[in-house]
Amino acid sequence: MYECRNCGGNLKFDIANQKLFCEFCGTMEDPYNVYKERDAEESAQYEVTVFTCPQCGGEILSEDTTAATFCNFCGAATILDSRLSKERRPHHIIPFTKTREDCRKAYAKMVKRAIFAPKELRDEGHIEKFRGIYMPYWIYSFETKGTVFFDGSKSRQKGDYLITRHYTMQSNVDAAYNGIAYDASSAFSDNLSGAIAPFFLEKEKPFTPSFLSGFYADTSDVDSYVYEEEAQDMVMEDGAKQISKNAVCSRFQVKQGKNRNSLKKALQPTQTVKELAMLPVWFLAYRKDDRVAYAVVNGQTGKAAASYFSGASGLCMCLCVDCPVVRPDEKGVRRRR
């Protein structure tokens, strides 16, 4: 926990002021200027990792991916620093800018349009249970520079014959794609994370654990290679789309069939950067019998999405606008729209 230098109280990140705040004496601190003297002490018992609260000595049980949580006995916000190892430590973070009240309003606005939503999702008692979680995301950046060669062709009809001439096209490319984000937690549905995208990564800040104080946080348990090919394919597809709009490329049928595939392959990125980031999400989960409901709100933009799963049919009913969810994610299957 982060202790107030004036009264020893628990400092927690205040969204409105974007600083650490002590609710006992009102002290505010810059997140980059505070240091933690005491941490939750880690021990292994019965193959379960147990942390001891530095404030009251109570035991804190957590999932293997938990990086920030609260003590069940005294409520102190606790950062589990040992979980933020070199391999799992994020490079950047986007602090919460939407408060719990902002979250409630965004959620209420979304549910108001969902006339077939189950009553559980409208229950005021459950809406109060939204909790702020920093979710891990892999951020990819790609770069393509230099001369690329790809196929082109021209066709004309002569009598009963179609005559096609094939050409080798050449183009100089200088393209960069930055900030392609994929969630790095297997517990977070790709459909829901995609529905509340995008985050504006130009607002990101260098990571320091103090931003997590007062919130929950998960560490990554999905390797970067899981999404790398998909992100790279998206970059190549967009690059091919942009180049094929050129008048010369249109004349040589570059955007069609094998020619397009040749162009896309030629645009293979020459450099890839992968970094971990913590991004803010308000999260709600509710279960009743065989029905599970989920709701998430983007902690930066306020964009909301929700879905509920029927145990009898196995179908997902999505409440967010323009979201192609048709069934729940299967464990271990990663999908992105």
Foldseek 3Di string as FASTA:
>chain_A
DFADPPPGAAWFQDQQVRFTAGPPPGDTDHLVPTDDPDAFDWDADPNFIWTADPPPRDIDGDDLFWQWDAGPPPGFTHGHVVNCDPVFPFFKEQFFNQDLVLLLVLQVVLVVPVPPDDCVSVDPVQSVVWFKEWFKKKWKKFWFFAKFKFKFKAWDDDPPDIDMDIDIDMDTDTDMDTGDIATQALVDFQLFVQLQDDDDCVNIDGDDCSSCGPHIYTTGPHDPVVCPVVVQLVVLLVVLVVVCVDPVNVNRVCCDDRNSVRSSVRRRTPDMDIGMYTFMKTKGWDDDDQKIKIKIAGSHPRNIWIWMAGNVVQFIDISGPPRPGTGTDDRPDHDHD
